[in-house]
Every structure is written in structure tokens, then in C-alpha cells.
Protein backbone atom coordinates (compact mmCIF):
# COMPACT_ATOMS: atom_id res chain seq x y z
CA MET A 1 -124.53 -20.75 16.97
CA GLU A 2 -124.89 -23.92 14.90
CA PRO A 3 -121.80 -25.85 13.75
CA ARG A 4 -120.92 -25.31 10.08
CA ASP A 5 -121.69 -28.92 9.14
CA HIS A 6 -125.33 -28.57 10.22
CA ALA A 7 -126.14 -26.44 7.14
CA ILE A 8 -128.53 -24.19 9.07
CA GLY A 9 -128.46 -20.55 8.06
CA ARG A 10 -130.51 -17.39 7.97
CA SER A 11 -132.92 -16.66 5.15
CA ARG A 12 -136.03 -14.47 4.81
CA GLY A 13 -138.00 -17.24 6.48
CA GLY A 14 -135.67 -17.51 9.49
CA LEU A 15 -133.37 -20.46 10.14
CA THR A 16 -133.44 -22.68 7.05
CA THR A 17 -131.50 -25.07 4.84
CA LYS A 18 -131.52 -25.57 1.08
CA ASN A 19 -131.51 -28.81 -0.86
CA HIS A 20 -129.71 -28.69 -4.22
CA LEU A 21 -130.87 -31.79 -6.08
CA VAL A 22 -130.02 -33.11 -9.53
CA CYS A 23 -132.47 -35.64 -11.01
CA ASP A 24 -132.41 -37.72 -14.17
CA GLY A 25 -135.17 -37.64 -16.78
CA LYS A 26 -137.26 -40.06 -14.72
CA GLY A 27 -137.09 -37.96 -11.55
CA ARG A 28 -134.52 -40.15 -9.78
CA ALA A 29 -131.96 -38.29 -7.66
CA VAL A 30 -128.39 -38.56 -8.97
CA ALA A 31 -126.73 -35.80 -6.88
CA PHE A 32 -127.59 -33.91 -3.70
CA ILE A 33 -126.01 -31.09 -1.69
CA LEU A 34 -127.39 -29.58 1.54
CA THR A 35 -126.42 -25.95 2.26
CA HIS A 36 -127.27 -23.05 4.54
CA GLY A 37 -130.56 -21.26 3.79
CA GLN A 38 -128.88 -18.09 2.55
CA THR A 39 -126.85 -19.91 -0.15
CA ALA A 40 -127.89 -18.75 -3.63
CA ASP A 41 -129.24 -21.48 -5.94
CA THR A 42 -127.25 -20.17 -8.87
CA SER A 43 -123.94 -20.55 -7.02
CA MET A 44 -124.47 -24.29 -6.43
CA LEU A 45 -125.22 -25.54 -9.96
CA ALA A 46 -121.63 -26.53 -10.83
CA ASP A 47 -121.01 -28.05 -7.39
CA ALA A 48 -124.14 -30.17 -7.64
CA PHE A 49 -123.24 -31.38 -11.13
CA GLU A 50 -119.73 -32.33 -9.95
CA GLN A 51 -121.42 -34.86 -7.61
CA ILE A 52 -123.02 -36.86 -10.45
CA ARG A 53 -121.78 -40.47 -10.72
CA VAL A 54 -124.15 -42.79 -12.59
CA PRO A 55 -122.71 -46.29 -13.02
CA GLY A 56 -123.31 -48.06 -16.32
CA LYS A 57 -123.01 -51.68 -17.31
CA ALA A 58 -119.32 -51.27 -18.15
CA GLY A 59 -116.62 -48.62 -17.91
CA ARG A 60 -116.47 -45.45 -15.87
CA PRO A 61 -119.59 -43.93 -14.27
CA ARG A 62 -121.35 -41.26 -16.29
CA THR A 63 -120.70 -37.79 -14.88
CA ARG A 64 -122.29 -35.50 -17.44
CA PRO A 65 -125.86 -35.17 -18.76
CA ASP A 66 -126.72 -34.40 -22.39
CA ARG A 67 -129.18 -31.67 -21.43
CA VAL A 68 -130.08 -29.64 -18.33
CA MET A 69 -133.48 -28.27 -17.45
CA ALA A 70 -133.31 -25.86 -14.51
CA ASP A 71 -135.64 -23.35 -12.91
CA LYS A 72 -135.20 -19.58 -13.08
CA GLY A 73 -132.96 -19.59 -10.00
CA HIS A 74 -130.00 -20.77 -12.14
CA PRO A 75 -129.73 -18.51 -15.23
CA SER A 76 -126.41 -16.80 -14.44
CA LYS A 77 -123.94 -16.17 -17.23
CA ALA A 78 -121.33 -18.17 -15.30
CA ASN A 79 -123.63 -21.22 -15.21
CA ARG A 80 -124.40 -20.98 -18.92
CA VAL A 81 -120.67 -20.70 -19.73
CA TRP A 82 -119.86 -23.65 -17.42
CA LEU A 83 -122.47 -25.82 -19.14
CA ARG A 84 -121.43 -24.73 -22.65
CA GLU A 85 -117.75 -25.51 -21.94
CA ARG A 86 -118.78 -29.07 -21.09
CA GLY A 87 -121.02 -29.50 -24.13
CA ILE A 88 -124.20 -29.67 -22.04
CA ALA A 89 -127.30 -28.20 -23.69
CA ALA A 90 -129.39 -26.04 -21.33
CA THR A 91 -133.03 -25.06 -20.99
CA ILE A 92 -133.11 -22.40 -18.27
CA PRO A 93 -135.70 -19.58 -18.28
CA GLU A 94 -134.41 -16.01 -17.88
């Protein structure tokens, strides 16, 4: 049995991990979470976005994007509500 902090879990493909990555418009990583392979993509959207800290020239780091583009692994109603409550526009296929 692997320790919990190794993020190795069972999936259809066997023992796997999942990378939950948030990138900016230029493809640069701004947040990253590693989880067990059986963790659903849709359940990690809010957690991944809570990791965003983009420093600017002055003031507090930016923590919220203007728009989100996500793949069809993230279209849950809870995710759409979470984004809408924060004023973040979303493009997520059903």
C-alpha cells in the first residue's frame, strides 16, 4: 500500500496519478495539483483554481482569471455555479 502523499491510486489503466493543471492564455502553468488516478477531474476544478497566485507589478497577486476554457471533464453544475459566483466566464463543452 502506497502512502497517501504519493498520489498513486487505481484507475482503469492500473496504478496511476492525475495532474490537474491551470495554465494562462500563453500556456504557462499557474497552478498544479497531483492526485490519485481515480480522482474525478470535475471534483478538482475549484481546488486547482484556489492555488492560483500570479504576482503583478504592484499590489496583491492575481487569484482569479477573467475566463476559463476547460475540457469536457469539468462541466458539472457545481463547477459552473462556483465560476459564476466568482464572476468568471466559462467555455466548457457539455
